[in-house]
Amino acid sequence: MRDVFYTLISLVWTLLLVGAAIVFGLYVARELDVVALSKWASLPPFLSVPLQRQGDNAIIATLAGVVSGFLFLFLIGYVAQSLLDAMRLGWAVQSLKRKRLQGSPPSQWRWFSYPLFTRLWREYAQSLQQPEYVSNMPAEMVFSQQALVDVPMRVEFFRHLPGILTGSGIVSTFAGILMGLTGFNPSVGAEHVTQELQGLFMGVSTAF
């Protein structure tokens, strides 16, 4: 029953994290001032000029929202989670030494601030043989990297995050090219060719 409860809590936390990242990405896409950002960040001309010209472009706003959402998810769901788990794991290791000196049965040891470690310890405590509490299996089988790090920190997802961002950039590139080509009309007179080419180059500059 406790395992189901911990799994439910983890699922709810994941959904809240993803929801917060989506909300943050939508906020950035709607409220971000690309022109002001390019000036504030002191970007080089080959980046700042296209951004200032395309400040109100929907593709740039969407891409900025996607990148910001994934960045939020990475900082909170991976970096902050890793720091929190490192501190909790350190506390758990220190408390193991204290509990051992107190002489209480290992099967009764609990860590309310670290439910994952408590669940793994309960599984490991079943292998301890009295009276010396010697285990018949290596601790690495229970307290593995996959159990303590990979699964709770969603390492497999974040391992693919660079590819997701690269794919978003490729999609935005072709969208910018299509936008420029869609607005280009080669059948206009010579006096309007410059204006048409300007619109084409604006779309291409958004792409790249």
N, C-alpha and C. Protein backbone atom coordinates (compact mmCIF):
# COMPACT_ATOMS: atom_id res chain seq x y z
N MET A 1 0.83 -1.21 0.00
CA MET A 1 0.00 0.00 0.00
C MET A 1 0.87 1.26 0.00
N ARG A 2 1.96 1.22 0.78
CA ARG A 2 2.85 2.38 0.82
C ARG A 2 3.52 2.60 -0.52
N ASP A 3 3.89 1.51 -1.19
CA ASP A 3 4.53 1.65 -2.51
C ASP A 3 3.58 2.30 -3.50
N VAL A 4 2.31 1.94 -3.44
CA VAL A 4 1.32 2.56 -4.32
C VAL A 4 1.19 4.04 -4.01
N PHE A 5 1.22 4.38 -2.72
CA PHE A 5 1.13 5.78 -2.32
C PHE A 5 2.33 6.57 -2.82
N TYR A 6 3.54 6.03 -2.66
CA TYR A 6 4.73 6.71 -3.12
C TYR A 6 4.73 6.86 -4.64
N THR A 7 4.26 5.83 -5.33
CA THR A 7 4.18 5.91 -6.79
C THR A 7 3.18 6.98 -7.23
N LEU A 8 2.07 7.07 -6.52
CA LEU A 8 1.06 8.09 -6.83
C LEU A 8 1.61 9.49 -6.59
N ILE A 9 2.34 9.67 -5.49
CA ILE A 9 2.94 10.97 -5.20
C ILE A 9 3.94 11.36 -6.29
N SER A 10 4.75 10.39 -6.72
CA SER A 10 5.73 10.66 -7.78
C SER A 10 5.04 11.03 -9.09
N LEU A 11 3.94 10.35 -9.40
CA LEU A 11 3.20 10.66 -10.62
C LEU A 11 2.59 12.05 -10.56
N VAL A 12 2.02 12.40 -9.41
CA VAL A 12 1.42 13.74 -9.25
C VAL A 12 2.50 14.82 -9.37
N TRP A 13 3.66 14.58 -8.77
CA TRP A 13 4.75 15.56 -8.86
C TRP A 13 5.23 15.72 -10.29
N THR A 14 5.31 14.62 -11.03
CA THR A 14 5.73 14.70 -12.43
C THR A 14 4.72 15.49 -13.25
N LEU A 15 3.43 15.23 -13.04
CA LEU A 15 2.40 15.95 -13.78
C LEU A 15 2.42 17.45 -13.44
N LEU A 16 2.62 17.77 -12.16
CA LEU A 16 2.70 19.18 -11.77
C LEU A 16 3.92 19.85 -12.40
N LEU A 17 5.02 19.13 -12.46
CA LEU A 17 6.24 19.68 -13.04
C LEU A 17 6.06 19.94 -14.53
N VAL A 18 5.48 18.99 -15.23
CA VAL A 18 5.26 19.16 -16.67
C VAL A 18 4.26 20.28 -16.91
N GLY A 19 3.20 20.33 -16.09
CA GLY A 19 2.22 21.41 -16.24
C GLY A 19 2.82 22.77 -16.00
N ALA A 20 3.69 22.90 -14.98
CA ALA A 20 4.35 24.18 -14.72
C ALA A 20 5.28 24.57 -15.87
N ALA A 21 5.97 23.59 -16.45
CA ALA A 21 6.85 23.88 -17.59
C ALA A 21 6.04 24.36 -18.80
N ILE A 22 4.88 23.75 -19.04
CA ILE A 22 4.03 24.17 -20.15
C ILE A 22 3.51 25.59 -19.92
N VAL A 23 3.06 25.87 -18.70
CA VAL A 23 2.56 27.22 -18.39
C VAL A 23 3.66 28.25 -18.55
N PHE A 24 4.86 27.92 -18.07
CA PHE A 24 5.98 28.84 -18.20
C PHE A 24 6.34 29.07 -19.67
N GLY A 25 6.35 28.01 -20.47
CA GLY A 25 6.63 28.15 -21.89
C GLY A 25 5.59 29.00 -22.61
N LEU A 26 4.31 28.80 -22.28
CA LEU A 26 3.25 29.62 -22.89
C LEU A 26 3.38 31.08 -22.47
N TYR A 27 3.75 31.31 -21.22
CA TYR A 27 3.93 32.69 -20.76
C TYR A 27 5.07 33.37 -21.51
N VAL A 28 6.18 32.68 -21.68
CA VAL A 28 7.31 33.26 -22.41
C VAL A 28 6.93 33.53 -23.85
N ALA A 29 6.23 32.58 -24.49
CA ALA A 29 5.85 32.76 -25.89
C ALA A 29 4.90 33.95 -26.07
N ARG A 30 4.10 34.23 -25.05
CA ARG A 30 3.12 35.31 -25.17
C ARG A 30 3.68 36.66 -24.74
N GLU A 31 4.55 36.67 -23.73
CA GLU A 31 4.99 37.93 -23.13
C GLU A 31 6.41 38.34 -23.48
N LEU A 32 7.20 37.47 -24.09
CA LEU A 32 8.60 37.78 -24.32
C LEU A 32 8.75 38.91 -25.34
N ASP A 33 9.55 39.91 -25.00
CA ASP A 33 9.89 41.01 -25.91
C ASP A 33 11.26 40.67 -26.52
N VAL A 34 11.22 40.13 -27.74
CA VAL A 34 12.44 39.66 -28.38
C VAL A 34 13.40 40.82 -28.64
N VAL A 35 12.87 41.96 -29.03
CA VAL A 35 13.72 43.12 -29.33
C VAL A 35 14.46 43.57 -28.08
N ALA A 36 13.72 43.73 -26.97
CA ALA A 36 14.36 44.15 -25.73
C ALA A 36 15.36 43.11 -25.24
N LEU A 37 15.02 41.83 -25.42
CA LEU A 37 15.93 40.77 -24.99
C LEU A 37 17.23 40.79 -25.79
N SER A 38 17.13 41.00 -27.10
CA SER A 38 18.33 41.02 -27.93
C SER A 38 19.24 42.19 -27.57
N LYS A 39 18.64 43.32 -27.17
CA LYS A 39 19.45 44.46 -26.75
C LYS A 39 20.06 44.22 -25.37
N TRP A 40 19.26 43.64 -24.47
CA TRP A 40 19.74 43.41 -23.11
C TRP A 40 20.86 42.37 -23.07
N ALA A 41 20.74 41.34 -23.90
CA ALA A 41 21.73 40.27 -23.89
C ALA A 41 23.01 40.62 -24.64
N SER A 42 23.05 41.77 -25.28
CA SER A 42 24.23 42.21 -26.04
C SER A 42 24.66 41.15 -27.06
N LEU A 43 23.69 40.70 -27.84
CA LEU A 43 23.98 39.69 -28.85
C LEU A 43 24.78 40.29 -29.99
N PRO A 44 25.58 39.48 -30.69
CA PRO A 44 26.31 39.99 -31.86
C PRO A 44 25.34 40.39 -32.96
N PRO A 45 25.77 41.25 -33.89
CA PRO A 45 24.85 41.76 -34.92
C PRO A 45 24.19 40.69 -35.76
N PHE A 46 24.91 39.59 -36.07
CA PHE A 46 24.31 38.58 -36.93
C PHE A 46 23.15 37.84 -36.24
N LEU A 47 23.02 38.02 -34.90
CA LEU A 47 21.87 37.47 -34.18
C LEU A 47 20.87 38.55 -33.79
N SER A 48 21.37 39.70 -33.34
CA SER A 48 20.47 40.74 -32.84
C SER A 48 19.66 41.39 -33.96
N VAL A 49 20.26 41.61 -35.13
CA VAL A 49 19.54 42.28 -36.23
C VAL A 49 18.36 41.44 -36.71
N PRO A 50 18.54 40.14 -37.01
CA PRO A 50 17.36 39.35 -37.41
C PRO A 50 16.29 39.27 -36.32
N LEU A 51 16.71 39.19 -35.06
CA LEU A 51 15.73 39.12 -33.98
C LEU A 51 14.94 40.41 -33.85
N GLN A 52 15.61 41.55 -34.01
CA GLN A 52 14.91 42.82 -33.91
C GLN A 52 13.95 43.02 -35.08
N ARG A 53 14.31 42.51 -36.23
CA ARG A 53 13.41 42.63 -37.39
C ARG A 53 12.22 41.69 -37.30
N GLN A 54 12.43 40.57 -36.62
CA GLN A 54 11.37 39.56 -36.52
C GLN A 54 10.81 39.47 -35.11
N GLY A 55 10.82 40.59 -34.40
CA GLY A 55 10.41 40.57 -33.00
C GLY A 55 8.99 40.10 -32.78
N ASP A 56 8.09 40.36 -33.73
CA ASP A 56 6.70 39.97 -33.58
C ASP A 56 6.36 38.70 -34.34
N ASN A 57 7.37 37.95 -34.74
CA ASN A 57 7.14 36.74 -35.52
C ASN A 57 6.66 35.61 -34.62
N ALA A 58 5.63 34.90 -35.07
CA ALA A 58 5.05 33.82 -34.27
C ALA A 58 6.01 32.64 -34.12
N ILE A 59 6.83 32.39 -35.13
CA ILE A 59 7.75 31.25 -35.07
C ILE A 59 8.79 31.47 -33.98
N ILE A 60 9.35 32.69 -33.91
CA ILE A 60 10.34 32.98 -32.88
C ILE A 60 9.72 32.91 -31.49
N ALA A 61 8.51 33.42 -31.33
CA ALA A 61 7.84 33.37 -30.04
C ALA A 61 7.56 31.92 -29.63
N THR A 62 7.12 31.10 -30.59
CA THR A 62 6.84 29.69 -30.29
C THR A 62 8.11 28.95 -29.92
N LEU A 63 9.18 29.16 -30.68
CA LEU A 63 10.44 28.50 -30.39
C LEU A 63 10.98 28.93 -29.03
N ALA A 64 10.87 30.24 -28.72
CA ALA A 64 11.32 30.72 -27.41
C ALA A 64 10.52 30.08 -26.28
N GLY A 65 9.21 29.91 -26.50
CA GLY A 65 8.39 29.25 -25.49
C GLY A 65 8.76 27.79 -25.29
N VAL A 66 9.03 27.08 -26.39
CA VAL A 66 9.41 25.66 -26.30
C VAL A 66 10.73 25.51 -25.56
N VAL A 67 11.72 26.31 -25.96
CA VAL A 67 13.04 26.23 -25.31
C VAL A 67 12.93 26.60 -23.83
N SER A 68 12.16 27.65 -23.52
CA SER A 68 12.02 28.07 -22.13
C SER A 68 11.32 27.00 -21.29
N GLY A 69 10.30 26.35 -21.86
CA GLY A 69 9.61 25.29 -21.13
C GLY A 69 10.53 24.12 -20.81
N PHE A 70 11.31 23.69 -21.81
CA PHE A 70 12.24 22.58 -21.57
C PHE A 70 13.35 23.00 -20.61
N LEU A 71 13.79 24.25 -20.69
CA LEU A 71 14.82 24.73 -19.77
C LEU A 71 14.29 24.74 -18.34
N PHE A 72 13.06 25.18 -18.16
CA PHE A 72 12.43 25.16 -16.84
C PHE A 72 12.34 23.73 -16.32
N LEU A 73 11.92 22.81 -17.20
CA LEU A 73 11.81 21.41 -16.80
C LEU A 73 13.16 20.83 -16.41
N PHE A 74 14.21 21.21 -17.13
CA PHE A 74 15.54 20.71 -16.84
C PHE A 74 16.06 21.25 -15.51
N LEU A 75 15.87 22.55 -15.28
CA LEU A 75 16.39 23.16 -14.06
C LEU A 75 15.68 22.65 -12.81
N ILE A 76 14.35 22.52 -12.89
CA ILE A 76 13.60 22.09 -11.72
C ILE A 76 13.57 20.56 -11.60
N GLY A 77 13.33 19.89 -12.71
CA GLY A 77 13.16 18.44 -12.66
C GLY A 77 14.46 17.66 -12.63
N TYR A 78 15.57 18.28 -13.01
CA TYR A 78 16.84 17.55 -13.03
C TYR A 78 17.87 18.17 -12.10
N VAL A 79 18.19 19.45 -12.31
CA VAL A 79 19.23 20.09 -11.50
C VAL A 79 18.79 20.20 -10.04
N ALA A 80 17.61 20.80 -9.82
CA ALA A 80 17.13 20.95 -8.44
C ALA A 80 16.87 19.59 -7.79
N GLN A 81 16.32 18.65 -8.57
CA GLN A 81 16.06 17.31 -8.04
C GLN A 81 17.36 16.61 -7.65
N SER A 82 18.39 16.78 -8.46
CA SER A 82 19.67 16.15 -8.15
C SER A 82 20.28 16.71 -6.87
N LEU A 83 20.19 18.03 -6.68
CA LEU A 83 20.71 18.65 -5.45
C LEU A 83 19.93 18.18 -4.23
N LEU A 84 18.60 18.12 -4.37
CA LEU A 84 17.78 17.67 -3.25
C LEU A 84 18.07 16.21 -2.90
N ASP A 85 18.16 15.35 -3.92
CA ASP A 85 18.43 13.94 -3.65
C ASP A 85 19.82 13.73 -3.07
N ALA A 86 20.80 14.53 -3.52
CA ALA A 86 22.15 14.42 -2.96
C ALA A 86 22.15 14.77 -1.47
N MET A 87 21.42 15.81 -1.09
CA MET A 87 21.35 16.18 0.33
C MET A 87 20.61 15.12 1.13
N ARG A 88 19.49 14.63 0.60
CA ARG A 88 18.72 13.62 1.33
C ARG A 88 19.50 12.31 1.47
N LEU A 89 20.25 11.95 0.42
CA LEU A 89 21.06 10.74 0.50
C LEU A 89 22.17 10.89 1.54
N GLY A 90 22.78 12.08 1.60
CA GLY A 90 23.78 12.33 2.62
C GLY A 90 23.21 12.24 4.03
N TRP A 91 22.00 12.81 4.22
CA TRP A 91 21.36 12.72 5.53
C TRP A 91 21.04 11.27 5.88
N ALA A 92 20.59 10.50 4.90
CA ALA A 92 20.24 9.10 5.15
C ALA A 92 21.48 8.29 5.54
N VAL A 93 22.60 8.53 4.88
CA VAL A 93 23.83 7.81 5.22
C VAL A 93 24.29 8.16 6.64
N GLN A 94 24.20 9.44 6.97
CA GLN A 94 24.59 9.84 8.33
C GLN A 94 23.65 9.25 9.38
N SER A 95 22.37 9.20 9.08
CA SER A 95 21.42 8.65 10.04
C SER A 95 21.58 7.14 10.19
N LEU A 96 22.07 6.47 9.15
CA LEU A 96 22.35 5.04 9.26
C LEU A 96 23.36 4.76 10.36
N LYS A 97 24.38 5.59 10.44
CA LYS A 97 25.40 5.42 11.48
C LYS A 97 24.80 5.65 12.86
N ARG A 98 23.95 6.67 12.98
CA ARG A 98 23.34 6.96 14.28
C ARG A 98 22.38 5.85 14.69
N LYS A 99 21.58 5.38 13.76
CA LYS A 99 20.60 4.32 14.08
C LYS A 99 21.31 3.03 14.47
N ARG A 100 22.44 2.77 13.84
CA ARG A 100 23.19 1.56 14.18
C ARG A 100 23.72 1.65 15.60
N LEU A 101 24.20 2.82 15.99
CA LEU A 101 24.70 2.99 17.35
C LEU A 101 23.57 2.92 18.38
N GLN A 102 22.37 3.32 18.00
CA GLN A 102 21.24 3.27 18.92
C GLN A 102 20.77 1.85 19.18
N GLY A 103 21.07 0.93 18.26
CA GLY A 103 20.74 -0.47 18.48
C GLY A 103 19.33 -0.87 18.11
N SER A 104 18.58 -0.02 17.41
CA SER A 104 17.21 -0.38 17.01
C SER A 104 17.25 -1.35 15.84
N PRO A 105 16.24 -2.20 15.70
CA PRO A 105 16.21 -3.18 14.60
C PRO A 105 16.19 -2.48 13.23
N PRO A 106 17.02 -2.94 12.30
CA PRO A 106 17.06 -2.28 10.97
C PRO A 106 15.73 -2.30 10.24
N SER A 107 14.90 -3.29 10.50
CA SER A 107 13.61 -3.36 9.80
C SER A 107 12.68 -2.22 10.18
N GLN A 108 12.98 -1.54 11.28
CA GLN A 108 12.13 -0.43 11.73
C GLN A 108 12.67 0.94 11.34
N TRP A 109 13.77 0.99 10.66
CA TRP A 109 14.35 2.28 10.28
C TRP A 109 13.54 2.91 9.17
N ARG A 110 13.25 4.20 9.32
CA ARG A 110 12.45 4.94 8.34
C ARG A 110 13.08 6.31 8.10
N TRP A 111 12.84 6.84 6.89
CA TRP A 111 13.28 8.19 6.54
C TRP A 111 12.10 8.88 5.87
N PHE A 112 11.36 9.66 6.66
CA PHE A 112 10.14 10.27 6.14
C PHE A 112 10.45 11.34 5.09
N SER A 113 11.63 11.94 5.18
CA SER A 113 12.00 12.95 4.18
C SER A 113 12.52 12.33 2.89
N TYR A 114 12.72 11.02 2.89
CA TYR A 114 13.27 10.35 1.71
C TYR A 114 12.53 9.02 1.53
N PRO A 115 11.27 9.06 1.06
CA PRO A 115 10.47 7.84 0.94
C PRO A 115 11.11 6.78 0.04
N LEU A 116 11.80 7.21 -1.02
CA LEU A 116 12.42 6.24 -1.91
C LEU A 116 13.47 5.41 -1.18
N PHE A 117 14.30 6.08 -0.40
CA PHE A 117 15.34 5.36 0.35
C PHE A 117 14.71 4.44 1.39
N THR A 118 13.60 4.86 1.99
CA THR A 118 12.90 4.02 2.96
C THR A 118 12.38 2.75 2.30
N ARG A 119 11.83 2.88 1.11
CA ARG A 119 11.30 1.70 0.42
C ARG A 119 12.43 0.74 0.05
N LEU A 120 13.55 1.29 -0.44
CA LEU A 120 14.68 0.43 -0.78
C LEU A 120 15.28 -0.21 0.45
N TRP A 121 15.36 0.55 1.55
CA TRP A 121 15.91 -0.03 2.77
C TRP A 121 15.01 -1.14 3.30
N ARG A 122 13.71 -0.98 3.22
CA ARG A 122 12.80 -2.02 3.68
C ARG A 122 13.01 -3.31 2.89
N GLU A 123 13.25 -3.16 1.60
CA GLU A 123 13.54 -4.33 0.77
C GLU A 123 14.88 -4.96 1.15
N TYR A 124 15.87 -4.12 1.42
CA TYR A 124 17.19 -4.64 1.78
C TYR A 124 17.18 -5.27 3.17
N ALA A 125 16.39 -4.70 4.09
CA ALA A 125 16.36 -5.20 5.47
C ALA A 125 15.83 -6.63 5.54
N GLN A 126 15.04 -7.05 4.57
CA GLN A 126 14.54 -8.41 4.56
C GLN A 126 15.64 -9.45 4.37
N SER A 127 16.78 -9.01 3.82
CA SER A 127 17.89 -9.94 3.61
C SER A 127 18.86 -10.00 4.78
N LEU A 128 18.63 -9.16 5.80
CA LEU A 128 19.52 -9.13 6.96
C LEU A 128 19.20 -10.29 7.90
N GLN A 129 20.23 -10.98 8.31
CA GLN A 129 20.08 -12.14 9.17
C GLN A 129 20.56 -11.82 10.58
N GLN A 130 19.71 -12.10 11.55
CA GLN A 130 20.05 -11.86 12.95
C GLN A 130 21.02 -12.94 13.43
N PRO A 131 21.79 -12.71 14.49
CA PRO A 131 21.74 -11.50 15.34
C PRO A 131 22.68 -10.40 14.89
N GLU A 132 23.57 -10.70 13.92
CA GLU A 132 24.56 -9.71 13.49
C GLU A 132 24.05 -8.82 12.37
N TYR A 133 22.87 -9.12 11.86
CA TYR A 133 22.28 -8.37 10.75
C TYR A 133 23.23 -8.32 9.56
N VAL A 134 23.63 -9.50 9.15
CA VAL A 134 24.50 -9.64 7.98
C VAL A 134 23.63 -10.00 6.78
N SER A 135 23.83 -9.29 5.68
CA SER A 135 23.02 -9.50 4.48
C SER A 135 23.62 -10.61 3.63
N ASN A 136 22.74 -11.35 2.97
CA ASN A 136 23.19 -12.41 2.07
C ASN A 136 23.25 -11.96 0.62
N MET A 137 23.10 -10.65 0.38
CA MET A 137 23.23 -10.13 -0.98
C MET A 137 23.90 -8.77 -0.92
N PRO A 138 24.60 -8.38 -1.98
CA PRO A 138 25.28 -7.08 -2.00
C PRO A 138 24.29 -5.92 -1.94
N ALA A 139 24.68 -4.88 -1.23
CA ALA A 139 23.80 -3.71 -1.13
C ALA A 139 23.61 -3.04 -2.49
N GLU A 140 24.59 -3.20 -3.41
CA GLU A 140 24.49 -2.57 -4.73
C GLU A 140 23.31 -3.11 -5.54
N MET A 141 22.84 -4.29 -5.19
CA MET A 141 21.71 -4.85 -5.93
C MET A 141 20.42 -4.10 -5.63
N VAL A 142 20.32 -3.53 -4.44
CA VAL A 142 19.12 -2.77 -4.06
C VAL A 142 19.34 -1.28 -4.26
N PHE A 143 20.45 -0.77 -3.71
CA PHE A 143 20.75 0.66 -3.81
C PHE A 143 21.59 0.91 -5.06
N SER A 144 21.00 0.67 -6.20
CA SER A 144 21.71 0.82 -7.47
C SER A 144 21.57 2.23 -8.01
N GLN A 145 22.38 2.54 -9.00
CA GLN A 145 22.28 3.85 -9.65
C GLN A 145 20.94 4.04 -10.31
N GLN A 146 20.42 2.98 -10.91
CA GLN A 146 19.13 3.09 -11.57
C GLN A 146 18.01 3.38 -10.58
N ALA A 147 18.06 2.74 -9.41
CA ALA A 147 17.00 2.93 -8.42
C ALA A 147 17.09 4.28 -7.73
N LEU A 148 18.31 4.75 -7.46
CA LEU A 148 18.49 5.99 -6.69
C LEU A 148 18.60 7.23 -7.55
N VAL A 149 19.03 7.07 -8.81
CA VAL A 149 19.32 8.24 -9.65
C VAL A 149 18.50 8.24 -10.93
N ASP A 150 18.66 7.20 -11.73
CA ASP A 150 18.10 7.22 -13.09
C ASP A 150 16.58 7.35 -13.10
N VAL A 151 15.90 6.54 -12.28
CA VAL A 151 14.43 6.55 -12.30
C VAL A 151 13.85 7.81 -11.65
N PRO A 152 14.23 8.16 -10.41
CA PRO A 152 13.60 9.36 -9.80
C PRO A 152 13.95 10.66 -10.50
N MET A 153 15.11 10.73 -11.15
CA MET A 153 15.52 11.97 -11.81
C MET A 153 15.17 11.98 -13.30
N ARG A 154 14.49 10.94 -13.76
CA ARG A 154 14.05 10.86 -15.17
C ARG A 154 15.22 11.06 -16.13
N VAL A 155 16.31 10.37 -15.85
CA VAL A 155 17.53 10.55 -16.64
C VAL A 155 17.30 10.17 -18.10
N GLU A 156 16.50 9.14 -18.34
CA GLU A 156 16.29 8.69 -19.70
C GLU A 156 15.62 9.76 -20.56
N PHE A 157 14.69 10.52 -19.96
CA PHE A 157 14.04 11.61 -20.70
C PHE A 157 15.03 12.73 -20.98
N PHE A 158 15.75 13.17 -19.96
CA PHE A 158 16.66 14.30 -20.14
C PHE A 158 17.84 13.94 -21.03
N ARG A 159 18.11 12.65 -21.18
CA ARG A 159 19.17 12.22 -22.09
C ARG A 159 18.78 12.52 -23.54
N HIS A 160 17.48 12.54 -23.81
CA HIS A 160 17.00 12.83 -25.16
C HIS A 160 16.64 14.30 -25.36
N LEU A 161 16.78 15.11 -24.31
CA LEU A 161 16.40 16.51 -24.41
C LEU A 161 17.18 17.28 -25.47
N PRO A 162 18.51 17.10 -25.62
CA PRO A 162 19.21 17.81 -26.71
C PRO A 162 18.65 17.47 -28.09
N GLY A 163 18.29 16.21 -28.30
CA GLY A 163 17.70 15.84 -29.58
C GLY A 163 16.35 16.49 -29.81
N ILE A 164 15.56 16.63 -28.72
CA ILE A 164 14.25 17.28 -28.84
C ILE A 164 14.41 18.75 -29.22
N LEU A 165 15.36 19.43 -28.58
CA LEU A 165 15.61 20.84 -28.90
C LEU A 165 16.15 20.99 -30.31
N THR A 166 17.02 20.06 -30.73
CA THR A 166 17.53 20.11 -32.11
C THR A 166 16.39 19.93 -33.11
N GLY A 167 15.50 18.99 -32.82
CA GLY A 167 14.34 18.80 -33.71
C GLY A 167 13.45 20.01 -33.77
N SER A 168 13.27 20.69 -32.62
CA SER A 168 12.47 21.92 -32.63
C SER A 168 13.11 22.99 -33.50
N GLY A 169 14.45 23.09 -33.43
CA GLY A 169 15.15 24.07 -34.27
C GLY A 169 15.02 23.75 -35.75
N ILE A 170 15.07 22.47 -36.11
CA ILE A 170 14.94 22.08 -37.52
C ILE A 170 13.55 22.40 -38.03
N VAL A 171 12.54 22.08 -37.21
CA VAL A 171 11.16 22.39 -37.61
C VAL A 171 10.98 23.89 -37.79
N SER A 172 11.53 24.68 -36.87
CA SER A 172 11.41 26.14 -36.99
C SER A 172 12.15 26.66 -38.22
N THR A 173 13.27 26.03 -38.56
CA THR A 173 14.02 26.44 -39.76
C THR A 173 13.18 26.29 -41.02
N PHE A 174 12.60 25.12 -41.19
CA PHE A 174 11.78 24.90 -42.39
C PHE A 174 10.51 25.74 -42.36
N ALA A 175 9.97 25.99 -41.16
CA ALA A 175 8.79 26.84 -41.07
C ALA A 175 9.11 28.26 -41.52
N GLY A 176 10.30 28.77 -41.12
CA GLY A 176 10.70 30.11 -41.55
C GLY A 176 10.92 30.18 -43.05
N ILE A 177 11.52 29.14 -43.63
CA ILE A 177 11.72 29.12 -45.08
C ILE A 177 10.39 29.08 -45.81
N LEU A 178 9.48 28.24 -45.35
CA LEU A 178 8.16 28.17 -45.99
C LEU A 178 7.41 29.49 -45.86
N MET A 179 7.56 30.15 -44.70
CA MET A 179 6.90 31.44 -44.52
C MET A 179 7.43 32.47 -45.51
N GLY A 180 8.75 32.47 -45.72
CA GLY A 180 9.32 33.41 -46.67
C GLY A 180 8.91 33.10 -48.10
N LEU A 181 8.90 31.81 -48.46
CA LEU A 181 8.52 31.44 -49.83
C LEU A 181 7.04 31.66 -50.09
N THR A 182 6.21 31.46 -49.06
CA THR A 182 4.77 31.65 -49.24
C THR A 182 4.44 33.10 -49.57
N GLY A 183 5.13 34.03 -48.91
CA GLY A 183 4.85 35.45 -49.16
C GLY A 183 5.55 36.03 -50.36
N PHE A 184 6.39 35.23 -51.04
CA PHE A 184 7.15 35.75 -52.18
C PHE A 184 6.35 35.59 -53.46
N ASN A 185 6.22 36.68 -54.21
CA ASN A 185 5.48 36.68 -55.47
C ASN A 185 6.43 37.10 -56.59
N PRO A 186 6.94 36.16 -57.38
CA PRO A 186 7.92 36.51 -58.42
C PRO A 186 7.32 37.18 -59.66
N SER A 187 5.99 37.25 -59.73
CA SER A 187 5.36 37.80 -60.93
C SER A 187 5.10 39.30 -60.86
N VAL A 188 5.56 39.97 -59.81
CA VAL A 188 5.32 41.41 -59.69
C VAL A 188 6.26 42.17 -60.61
N GLY A 189 5.96 43.44 -60.77
CA GLY A 189 6.79 44.28 -61.62
C GLY A 189 8.15 44.54 -61.00
N ALA A 190 9.02 45.13 -61.82
CA ALA A 190 10.39 45.37 -61.38
C ALA A 190 10.44 46.31 -60.19
N GLU A 191 9.51 47.25 -60.11
CA GLU A 191 9.55 48.22 -59.03
C GLU A 191 9.18 47.60 -57.67
N HIS A 192 8.56 46.40 -57.70
CA HIS A 192 8.16 45.75 -56.45
C HIS A 192 9.03 44.54 -56.10
N VAL A 193 10.01 44.25 -56.95
CA VAL A 193 10.85 43.07 -56.70
C VAL A 193 11.63 43.23 -55.39
N THR A 194 12.13 44.44 -55.16
CA THR A 194 12.90 44.67 -53.93
C THR A 194 12.06 44.41 -52.69
N GLN A 195 10.82 44.86 -52.72
CA GLN A 195 9.94 44.64 -51.58
C GLN A 195 9.65 43.16 -51.37
N GLU A 196 9.45 42.43 -52.49
CA GLU A 196 9.19 41.00 -52.38
C GLU A 196 10.42 40.26 -51.86
N LEU A 197 11.59 40.64 -52.34
CA LEU A 197 12.81 39.99 -51.87
C LEU A 197 13.05 40.29 -50.40
N GLN A 198 12.69 41.49 -49.98
CA GLN A 198 12.86 41.82 -48.57
C GLN A 198 12.01 40.91 -47.68
N GLY A 199 10.78 40.67 -48.11
CA GLY A 199 9.92 39.75 -47.35
C GLY A 199 10.46 38.34 -47.35
N LEU A 200 11.02 37.89 -48.51
CA LEU A 200 11.61 36.57 -48.58
C LEU A 200 12.80 36.45 -47.64
N PHE A 201 13.69 37.46 -47.66
CA PHE A 201 14.88 37.39 -46.80
C PHE A 201 14.51 37.49 -45.32
N MET A 202 13.43 38.19 -45.02
CA MET A 202 12.98 38.27 -43.63
C MET A 202 12.56 36.88 -43.13
N GLY A 203 11.85 36.15 -43.97
CA GLY A 203 11.45 34.80 -43.60
C GLY A 203 12.63 33.86 -43.48
N VAL A 204 13.58 34.00 -44.39
CA VAL A 204 14.77 33.14 -44.34
C VAL A 204 15.62 33.48 -43.11
N SER A 205 15.71 34.78 -42.78
CA SER A 205 16.49 35.16 -41.59
C SER A 205 15.84 34.61 -40.33
N THR A 206 14.52 34.48 -40.31
CA THR A 206 13.85 33.85 -39.18
C THR A 206 14.25 32.39 -39.07
N ALA A 207 14.40 31.75 -40.22
CA ALA A 207 14.75 30.33 -40.22
C ALA A 207 16.12 30.08 -39.66
N PHE A 208 17.06 30.91 -40.03
CA PHE A 208 18.44 30.66 -39.63
C PHE A 208 18.87 31.50 -38.44
